N, C-alpha and C. Protein backbone atom coordinates (compact mmCIF):
# COMPACT_ATOMS: atom_id res chain seq x y z
N MET A 1 18.58 36.82 -67.66
CA MET A 1 18.05 35.77 -66.46
C MET A 1 17.86 35.59 -65.14
N THR A 2 17.06 35.29 -65.14
CA THR A 2 16.46 36.16 -63.34
C THR A 2 17.06 34.97 -62.35
N SER A 3 16.60 34.82 -61.40
CA SER A 3 17.03 34.50 -59.92
C SER A 3 16.28 34.41 -59.09
N GLU A 4 16.15 33.82 -57.85
CA GLU A 4 15.63 34.67 -56.72
C GLU A 4 16.15 34.49 -55.86
N PRO A 5 16.02 35.30 -55.03
CA PRO A 5 17.10 35.98 -53.53
C PRO A 5 17.08 34.54 -53.36
N LEU A 6 18.53 34.26 -51.72
CA LEU A 6 18.72 33.08 -51.52
C LEU A 6 18.43 33.40 -50.31
N HIS A 7 17.66 32.18 -49.37
CA HIS A 7 17.32 32.77 -47.57
C HIS A 7 17.50 31.73 -47.57
N PRO A 8 18.53 31.34 -46.60
CA PRO A 8 18.68 30.57 -45.72
C PRO A 8 18.16 30.09 -45.11
N VAL A 9 17.63 28.13 -44.73
CA VAL A 9 16.84 27.83 -44.07
C VAL A 9 16.95 27.30 -42.78
N PRO A 10 16.08 28.41 -42.35
CA PRO A 10 15.30 28.49 -40.43
C PRO A 10 16.32 26.64 -39.61
N ALA A 11 17.24 27.16 -39.39
CA ALA A 11 17.74 25.44 -38.87
C ALA A 11 16.53 25.28 -37.04
N PRO A 12 16.62 23.96 -37.15
CA PRO A 12 15.73 24.59 -35.27
C PRO A 12 15.59 25.38 -34.24
N GLY A 13 15.35 25.80 -34.15
CA GLY A 13 15.71 27.03 -32.33
C GLY A 13 16.13 25.87 -30.74
N ARG A 14 16.76 26.20 -30.05
CA ARG A 14 17.65 25.40 -29.40
C ARG A 14 16.60 25.30 -28.46
N ARG A 15 15.87 25.84 -27.90
CA ARG A 15 14.64 24.71 -27.24
C ARG A 15 13.88 24.09 -28.55
N THR A 16 13.79 23.15 -29.31
CA THR A 16 13.57 22.37 -30.23
C THR A 16 14.35 21.45 -29.51
N VAL A 17 15.78 21.52 -29.58
CA VAL A 17 16.91 20.63 -29.72
C VAL A 17 16.53 20.34 -28.23
N VAL A 18 16.98 20.76 -27.66
CA VAL A 18 16.72 20.29 -26.39
C VAL A 18 15.19 19.41 -25.64
N ALA A 19 14.66 19.94 -26.13
CA ALA A 19 13.60 19.53 -26.13
C ALA A 19 13.49 18.28 -26.21
N ALA A 20 14.02 17.88 -27.99
CA ALA A 20 13.99 16.32 -28.30
C ALA A 20 15.08 15.18 -27.74
N VAL A 21 16.09 16.39 -27.11
CA VAL A 21 17.36 15.30 -26.85
C VAL A 21 16.86 14.78 -24.90
N GLY A 22 15.84 15.51 -24.64
CA GLY A 22 15.13 15.94 -23.35
C GLY A 22 14.40 13.88 -23.64
N ALA A 23 12.57 14.79 -24.21
CA ALA A 23 12.63 13.27 -24.33
C ALA A 23 12.98 12.51 -24.24
N THR A 24 13.83 11.73 -26.04
CA THR A 24 15.23 10.81 -26.65
C THR A 24 14.82 10.52 -24.66
N GLY A 25 16.14 10.60 -24.28
CA GLY A 25 16.93 10.50 -23.00
C GLY A 25 15.33 10.17 -21.94
N LEU A 26 14.80 10.84 -21.55
CA LEU A 26 14.04 9.96 -20.96
C LEU A 26 12.58 8.57 -21.21
N ALA A 27 12.61 8.85 -22.80
CA ALA A 27 12.41 7.87 -23.25
C ALA A 27 13.52 6.52 -23.43
N VAL A 28 14.96 6.34 -23.25
CA VAL A 28 15.85 5.62 -22.98
C VAL A 28 15.69 4.74 -21.54
N ALA A 29 15.46 6.00 -20.92
CA ALA A 29 16.00 5.58 -19.34
C ALA A 29 13.88 4.67 -19.17
N LEU A 30 12.73 5.36 -19.58
CA LEU A 30 11.81 4.02 -19.19
C LEU A 30 12.45 2.86 -19.66
N THR A 31 12.87 2.97 -20.59
CA THR A 31 12.45 1.08 -21.14
C THR A 31 13.59 0.81 -20.60
N ALA A 32 14.94 1.39 -20.32
CA ALA A 32 16.06 0.36 -19.32
C ALA A 32 15.77 0.16 -18.08
N CYS A 33 14.18 0.93 -16.83
CA CYS A 33 13.62 0.53 -15.83
C CYS A 33 12.52 -0.84 -16.39
N GLY A 34 12.23 -1.02 -16.98
CA GLY A 34 11.09 -1.39 -17.51
C GLY A 34 11.68 -3.54 -16.81
N SER A 35 10.31 -4.31 -17.41
CA SER A 35 10.62 -5.76 -16.24
C SER A 35 11.03 -6.36 -17.84
N ASP A 36 12.07 -7.51 -16.76
CA ASP A 36 12.73 -8.05 -17.50
C ASP A 36 12.68 -9.39 -17.21
N ASN A 37 11.89 -10.42 -18.41
CA ASN A 37 11.48 -11.15 -18.06
C ASN A 37 12.00 -12.43 -18.26
N GLY A 38 13.29 -12.32 -18.64
CA GLY A 38 14.30 -12.80 -18.61
C GLY A 38 14.98 -13.12 -17.48
N SER A 39 15.07 -12.73 -15.89
CA SER A 39 15.74 -13.03 -15.23
C SER A 39 16.06 -14.00 -14.91
N SER A 40 14.80 -15.27 -14.54
CA SER A 40 15.49 -16.52 -13.53
C SER A 40 15.44 -17.77 -15.11
N ASP A 41 16.96 -18.54 -14.56
CA ASP A 41 17.36 -19.11 -15.95
C ASP A 41 16.48 -20.41 -15.55
N SER A 42 15.28 -20.65 -14.96
CA SER A 42 14.81 -21.94 -15.04
C SER A 42 13.11 -22.01 -14.71
N SER A 43 12.41 -23.40 -14.84
CA SER A 43 11.55 -22.29 -14.46
C SER A 43 10.95 -22.31 -13.04
N SER A 44 11.54 -23.46 -12.02
CA SER A 44 11.62 -23.22 -11.40
C SER A 44 13.12 -22.85 -10.26
N SER A 45 12.91 -22.40 -8.82
CA SER A 45 14.51 -22.71 -8.28
C SER A 45 13.55 -22.99 -6.88
N ASN A 46 14.55 -23.86 -6.63
CA ASN A 46 14.81 -24.35 -4.96
C ASN A 46 15.56 -24.09 -4.32
N THR A 47 15.89 -23.32 -3.11
CA THR A 47 16.53 -23.75 -2.33
C THR A 47 16.41 -23.15 -1.03
N GLN A 48 17.40 -24.08 0.20
CA GLN A 48 17.22 -24.41 1.01
C GLN A 48 17.51 -22.94 2.23
N ALA A 49 16.53 -22.74 3.25
CA ALA A 49 17.11 -21.62 4.04
C ALA A 49 16.96 -21.31 5.55
N GLY A 50 17.13 -20.97 6.16
CA GLY A 50 17.72 -21.42 7.53
C GLY A 50 16.93 -20.45 8.97
N ALA A 51 15.43 -19.90 8.13
CA ALA A 51 14.99 -18.48 8.40
C ALA A 51 14.80 -19.29 9.89
N ASN A 52 14.16 -18.86 10.90
CA ASN A 52 14.08 -18.72 12.10
C ASN A 52 12.08 -17.45 11.87
N ALA A 53 10.96 -18.91 11.53
CA ALA A 53 9.79 -17.25 10.95
C ALA A 53 8.83 -18.58 12.25
N SER A 54 7.66 -17.49 12.39
CA SER A 54 6.20 -18.19 13.40
C SER A 54 5.73 -17.56 11.58
N GLY A 55 4.07 -18.29 12.17
CA GLY A 55 3.58 -18.30 12.23
C GLY A 55 2.07 -18.83 11.51
N GLY A 56 1.29 -18.90 11.35
CA GLY A 56 0.23 -20.45 10.68
C GLY A 56 -0.15 -20.70 9.74
N SER A 57 -0.83 -21.68 9.16
CA SER A 57 -0.58 -21.99 7.42
C SER A 57 -2.15 -20.40 6.62
N SER A 58 -1.17 -20.57 6.22
CA SER A 58 -2.28 -19.78 5.86
C SER A 58 -3.42 -20.38 4.14
N ALA A 59 -2.76 -22.53 3.87
CA ALA A 59 -3.34 -23.12 2.88
C ALA A 59 -4.52 -23.83 3.93
N SER A 60 -5.22 -23.88 3.32
CA SER A 60 -6.91 -24.44 3.66
C SER A 60 -6.42 -26.54 3.02
N SER A 61 -6.99 -27.41 3.82
CA SER A 61 -7.52 -28.50 3.23
C SER A 61 -8.70 -28.80 2.33
N GLY A 62 -8.36 -29.68 1.73
CA GLY A 62 -9.38 -29.99 0.99
C GLY A 62 -9.31 -30.23 -1.00
N SER A 63 -9.62 -30.58 -1.74
CA SER A 63 -9.38 -30.64 -3.00
C SER A 63 -10.20 -29.13 -3.48
N GLY A 64 -9.44 -29.39 -4.90
CA GLY A 64 -9.68 -27.78 -5.74
C GLY A 64 -9.59 -28.39 -6.63
N GLY A 65 -10.43 -27.21 -7.94
CA GLY A 65 -9.91 -27.84 -9.32
C GLY A 65 -8.63 -26.73 -9.81
N GLY A 66 -7.90 -26.54 -8.20
CA GLY A 66 -6.59 -25.23 -9.58
C GLY A 66 -5.54 -26.41 -10.14
N THR A 67 -4.60 -25.70 -10.39
CA THR A 67 -3.38 -26.67 -10.77
C THR A 67 -2.13 -26.95 -9.54
N ALA A 68 -1.93 -28.56 -9.90
CA ALA A 68 -1.50 -28.60 -8.85
C ALA A 68 0.06 -28.26 -9.47
N LEU A 69 0.84 -27.30 -8.28
CA LEU A 69 2.26 -26.96 -8.18
C LEU A 69 3.31 -28.18 -7.81
N ALA A 70 3.21 -28.65 -6.61
CA ALA A 70 4.04 -29.53 -6.55
C ALA A 70 4.27 -30.35 -4.79
N LYS A 71 4.81 -31.74 -4.80
CA LYS A 71 3.78 -32.14 -3.59
C LYS A 71 4.86 -31.43 -2.07
N THR A 72 4.78 -31.60 -0.89
CA THR A 72 5.25 -30.57 0.46
C THR A 72 6.12 -31.38 0.26
N ALA A 73 7.11 -32.69 0.13
CA ALA A 73 8.67 -32.82 0.19
C ALA A 73 9.20 -31.99 -0.79
N ASP A 74 8.15 -31.72 -1.15
CA ASP A 74 8.90 -30.85 -2.54
C ASP A 74 9.49 -29.63 -2.65
N ILE A 75 9.45 -28.79 -0.97
CA ILE A 75 9.35 -27.85 -0.73
C ILE A 75 10.27 -27.15 0.84
N PRO A 76 11.20 -26.71 1.15
CA PRO A 76 12.31 -26.37 2.22
C PRO A 76 11.62 -26.38 2.84
N ALA A 77 11.31 -26.60 4.55
CA ALA A 77 11.13 -26.13 5.70
C ALA A 77 11.81 -24.87 5.74
N GLY A 78 11.11 -23.55 6.37
CA GLY A 78 12.47 -22.14 6.20
C GLY A 78 12.79 -21.69 4.89
N GLY A 79 11.93 -21.84 3.90
CA GLY A 79 12.94 -21.74 2.80
C GLY A 79 10.97 -22.26 1.40
N GLY A 80 11.56 -21.97 0.21
CA GLY A 80 10.77 -22.33 -0.54
C GLY A 80 11.47 -22.56 -2.11
N LYS A 81 10.03 -22.52 -3.08
CA LYS A 81 10.48 -22.89 -4.65
C LYS A 81 9.75 -22.14 -5.68
N ILE A 82 10.52 -21.70 -6.34
CA ILE A 82 9.06 -20.88 -7.56
C ILE A 82 9.02 -21.18 -8.51
N PHE A 83 7.93 -21.15 -8.48
CA PHE A 83 7.40 -21.40 -10.64
C PHE A 83 6.33 -20.53 -10.77
N LYS A 84 7.87 -19.56 -11.83
CA LYS A 84 7.34 -19.46 -12.59
C LYS A 84 6.74 -19.24 -13.71
N ASP A 85 6.67 -20.23 -14.34
CA ASP A 85 5.69 -20.00 -15.00
C ASP A 85 3.49 -20.10 -14.77
N GLN A 86 3.43 -20.33 -12.96
CA GLN A 86 2.52 -20.31 -12.49
C GLN A 86 2.40 -18.60 -12.11
N GLY A 87 3.27 -17.39 -12.06
CA GLY A 87 3.87 -17.14 -10.95
C GLY A 87 3.91 -16.44 -9.84
N VAL A 88 4.57 -17.58 -8.53
CA VAL A 88 3.88 -17.89 -7.55
C VAL A 88 5.20 -18.55 -7.41
N VAL A 89 4.95 -18.51 -5.91
CA VAL A 89 6.37 -18.12 -4.50
C VAL A 89 5.05 -19.63 -3.77
N VAL A 90 6.54 -20.47 -3.62
CA VAL A 90 5.29 -20.90 -2.18
C VAL A 90 6.62 -21.45 -0.63
N THR A 91 6.51 -21.64 0.29
CA THR A 91 7.25 -21.57 1.13
C THR A 91 6.81 -22.06 2.55
N GLN A 92 7.96 -23.07 2.82
CA GLN A 92 7.01 -23.43 4.67
C GLN A 92 7.91 -22.59 5.27
N PRO A 93 7.90 -21.06 5.87
CA PRO A 93 8.50 -21.01 6.83
C PRO A 93 8.81 -21.87 7.51
N THR A 94 7.75 -21.96 8.76
CA THR A 94 7.52 -23.56 9.66
C THR A 94 6.82 -24.70 9.04
N ALA A 95 8.26 -26.19 9.62
CA ALA A 95 7.81 -27.03 9.23
C ALA A 95 6.12 -27.35 9.37
N GLY A 96 5.38 -27.69 7.56
CA GLY A 96 3.80 -28.07 7.92
C GLY A 96 3.08 -27.03 7.69
N THR A 97 3.28 -25.19 7.38
CA THR A 97 3.00 -24.20 7.80
C THR A 97 2.92 -24.17 5.76
N TYR A 98 2.71 -23.62 5.75
CA TYR A 98 3.23 -23.72 3.37
C TYR A 98 1.98 -22.83 2.99
N LYS A 99 2.99 -21.27 2.53
CA LYS A 99 2.64 -19.77 1.79
C LYS A 99 2.91 -20.16 1.13
N ALA A 100 1.80 -18.95 -0.02
CA ALA A 100 2.13 -18.50 -1.62
C ALA A 100 1.47 -17.25 -1.56
N PHE A 101 2.37 -16.43 -2.91
CA PHE A 101 2.67 -14.44 -2.85
C PHE A 101 3.33 -15.09 -4.74
N SER A 102 2.70 -14.28 -4.90
CA SER A 102 3.26 -13.39 -5.96
C SER A 102 4.55 -13.85 -6.59
N SER A 103 5.26 -13.95 -8.16
CA SER A 103 6.64 -14.01 -8.01
C SER A 103 6.82 -12.86 -8.11
N LYS A 104 5.95 -11.76 -8.53
CA LYS A 104 6.28 -10.74 -9.53
C LYS A 104 6.38 -8.70 -8.10
N CYS A 105 7.92 -8.65 -8.71
CA CYS A 105 8.37 -7.68 -7.36
C CYS A 105 6.87 -6.52 -6.83
N THR A 106 7.64 -6.50 -5.78
CA THR A 106 6.61 -5.26 -6.72
C THR A 106 7.35 -3.52 -6.30
N HIS A 107 8.41 -3.59 -6.95
CA HIS A 107 8.73 -2.54 -7.36
C HIS A 107 8.61 -2.16 -8.38
N GLN A 108 9.66 -3.31 -9.25
CA GLN A 108 9.54 -2.47 -11.17
C GLN A 108 8.75 -4.24 -11.09
N GLY A 109 8.27 -5.49 -10.98
CA GLY A 109 7.10 -6.00 -11.76
C GLY A 109 8.31 -6.84 -12.57
N CYS A 110 10.42 -7.21 -11.92
CA CYS A 110 10.89 -7.53 -12.69
C CYS A 110 9.87 -8.97 -10.75
N ALA A 111 10.61 -10.67 -11.83
CA ALA A 111 10.53 -11.45 -11.55
C ALA A 111 11.07 -12.33 -10.31
N VAL A 112 10.66 -12.12 -8.59
CA VAL A 112 11.91 -13.39 -7.85
C VAL A 112 12.73 -14.37 -8.20
N SER A 113 14.01 -14.57 -8.30
CA SER A 113 14.53 -15.43 -8.68
C SER A 113 15.76 -16.21 -7.78
N GLU A 114 14.87 -16.54 -6.62
CA GLU A 114 15.75 -17.23 -5.04
C GLU A 114 15.24 -16.74 -4.18
N ILE A 115 15.23 -18.03 -3.16
CA ILE A 115 15.48 -18.09 -2.12
C ILE A 115 16.55 -18.43 -1.39
N SER A 116 17.01 -17.71 -0.44
CA SER A 116 18.09 -18.07 0.75
C SER A 116 17.45 -17.05 2.09
N ASN A 117 18.17 -17.77 3.23
CA ASN A 117 18.43 -17.00 4.11
C ASN A 117 16.33 -16.63 4.66
N GLY A 118 15.87 -16.86 4.29
CA GLY A 118 14.62 -16.84 5.42
C GLY A 118 14.03 -15.30 3.97
N VAL A 119 14.70 -15.24 3.06
CA VAL A 119 13.78 -14.21 2.10
C VAL A 119 14.29 -14.30 0.52
N ILE A 120 13.59 -13.94 -0.07
CA ILE A 120 12.53 -14.38 -1.38
C ILE A 120 13.04 -12.89 -2.13
N ILE A 121 13.99 -12.66 -2.85
CA ILE A 121 15.12 -11.65 -3.70
C ILE A 121 14.57 -11.62 -5.08
N CYS A 122 14.76 -10.30 -5.33
CA CYS A 122 14.51 -9.96 -6.52
C CYS A 122 15.39 -9.86 -7.55
N PRO A 123 16.53 -10.64 -8.67
CA PRO A 123 17.71 -9.51 -9.28
C PRO A 123 17.53 -8.48 -9.31
N CYS A 124 17.11 -7.80 -9.66
CA CYS A 124 16.70 -6.77 -10.24
C CYS A 124 17.55 -5.63 -9.44
N HIS A 125 16.68 -5.38 -8.62
CA HIS A 125 16.76 -3.91 -7.34
C HIS A 125 17.61 -4.78 -6.13
N LYS A 126 17.41 -5.64 -5.92
CA LYS A 126 17.65 -7.01 -4.56
C LYS A 126 17.15 -6.59 -3.69
N SER A 127 15.08 -6.35 -3.72
CA SER A 127 14.75 -6.60 -2.76
C SER A 127 15.04 -7.30 -2.16
N GLU A 128 14.19 -7.56 -1.24
CA GLU A 128 14.37 -8.90 -0.24
C GLU A 128 12.82 -9.09 0.41
N PHE A 129 11.71 -9.95 0.47
CA PHE A 129 11.04 -10.14 1.39
C PHE A 129 10.40 -11.44 2.14
N SER A 130 9.94 -11.46 3.63
CA SER A 130 10.16 -12.32 4.57
C SER A 130 9.29 -13.33 3.39
N VAL A 131 9.51 -15.07 3.61
CA VAL A 131 8.76 -16.02 2.79
C VAL A 131 7.66 -16.51 3.89
N THR A 132 7.94 -15.76 5.74
CA THR A 132 6.17 -15.80 6.70
C THR A 132 5.48 -15.13 6.27
N ASP A 133 5.39 -13.61 6.29
CA ASP A 133 4.82 -13.08 5.32
C ASP A 133 4.38 -12.60 4.15
N GLY A 134 5.13 -12.14 4.08
CA GLY A 134 5.83 -11.55 1.98
C GLY A 134 6.13 -9.95 2.00
N SER A 135 6.25 -9.78 3.60
CA SER A 135 6.20 -8.25 3.41
C SER A 135 7.58 -8.18 4.07
N VAL A 136 8.01 -6.56 2.98
CA VAL A 136 9.09 -6.11 2.69
C VAL A 136 10.81 -6.00 3.51
N LYS A 137 11.68 -6.63 3.10
CA LYS A 137 12.76 -7.13 4.49
C LYS A 137 13.68 -6.35 4.07
N LYS A 138 14.06 -5.31 2.86
CA LYS A 138 14.89 -5.51 2.23
C LYS A 138 14.36 -4.21 0.72
N GLY A 139 14.58 -2.65 1.02
CA GLY A 139 14.24 -2.28 -0.50
C GLY A 139 15.15 -2.37 -1.19
N PRO A 140 14.17 -2.16 -2.80
CA PRO A 140 13.33 -0.23 -3.04
C PRO A 140 12.54 -1.17 -2.45
N ALA A 141 11.77 -2.26 -3.25
CA ALA A 141 10.49 -2.27 -2.43
C ALA A 141 9.80 -1.88 -1.54
N THR A 142 8.30 -1.10 -1.62
CA THR A 142 7.80 -0.93 -0.29
C THR A 142 6.53 -1.41 0.12
N GLN A 143 6.32 -1.82 -0.61
CA GLN A 143 4.35 -2.70 -0.65
C GLN A 143 5.26 -4.58 -0.05
N PRO A 144 4.29 -5.20 -0.19
CA PRO A 144 4.79 -6.66 0.63
C PRO A 144 4.37 -7.18 -1.06
N LEU A 145 5.01 -8.37 -0.85
CA LEU A 145 4.53 -9.47 -1.76
C LEU A 145 2.91 -10.23 -2.31
N PRO A 146 1.88 -10.07 -2.56
CA PRO A 146 0.25 -10.31 -3.26
C PRO A 146 0.35 -11.87 -2.29
N ALA A 147 -0.17 -11.56 -1.09
CA ALA A 147 -0.68 -13.61 -1.03
C ALA A 147 -1.81 -14.18 -2.00
N GLU A 148 -0.99 -14.89 -2.78
CA GLU A 148 -1.56 -16.36 -2.92
C GLU A 148 -2.19 -17.30 -2.41
N LYS A 149 -3.36 -17.65 -3.65
CA LYS A 149 -4.16 -18.72 -2.29
C LYS A 149 -3.93 -20.36 -2.77
N ILE A 150 -3.27 -21.06 -2.16
CA ILE A 150 -3.24 -21.83 -2.30
C ILE A 150 -3.75 -23.34 -1.44
N THR A 151 -4.00 -24.30 -1.50
CA THR A 151 -4.67 -25.49 -1.22
C THR A 151 -3.89 -26.72 -1.13
N VAL A 152 -3.02 -27.70 0.42
CA VAL A 152 -2.64 -28.38 0.32
C VAL A 152 -3.91 -29.69 0.55
N SER A 153 -3.63 -30.51 -0.18
CA SER A 153 -4.63 -31.79 0.64
C SER A 153 -3.12 -33.06 0.36
N GLY A 154 -3.62 -33.52 1.58
CA GLY A 154 -2.48 -34.88 1.79
C GLY A 154 -1.18 -34.06 1.10
N ASP A 155 -0.38 -35.05 1.13
CA ASP A 155 0.95 -34.44 0.19
C ASP A 155 0.75 -33.11 -0.79
N SER A 156 -0.02 -32.89 -2.35
CA SER A 156 -0.02 -32.15 -2.69
C SER A 156 -0.15 -30.75 -2.77
N ILE A 157 0.05 -30.28 -2.79
CA ILE A 157 0.25 -28.48 -2.93
C ILE A 157 -0.54 -27.62 -4.03
N THR A 158 -1.86 -26.98 -4.49
CA THR A 158 -2.90 -26.54 -5.20
C THR A 158 -2.64 -25.32 -5.16
N LEU A 159 -2.68 -24.94 -6.56
CA LEU A 159 -2.99 -23.37 -7.36
C LEU A 159 -4.01 -23.36 -7.06
N ALA A 160 -5.01 -22.47 -5.79
CA ALA A 160 -6.53 -22.19 -5.83
C ALA A 160 -6.44 -21.44 -7.14
């Protein structure tokens, strides 16, 4: 009988194992920090807020071919309403002044979920944005919510 000498099969090196575990951990961490599209539990959120805000209207009057969002009476003064399906937040910082912003948080892209006390709130890391101009009032976000174009014609608010 002939037999071949037995050689142990080499195991992966310590560096290979550490690198593989590190890469797996990084992948898990990045996945956990991704956006959560299910953060809002309804198609829109309506919240009253008592903000002391000022500024002119960014809405223009006239008819447009955009998406009808709401009636002016649906947007509370000092607060606003989130339109989840359209990805927009419409606010009324002062009576008769309407503003619109993206509903996507500039920190990590979560959809904002609440408007309270003159701020738009992101549920993921609690960033807060002004209903007046979309500026950051509380981080971790560092960039304001981008303005969206709306038109106000009579009592109708339309996404341009």
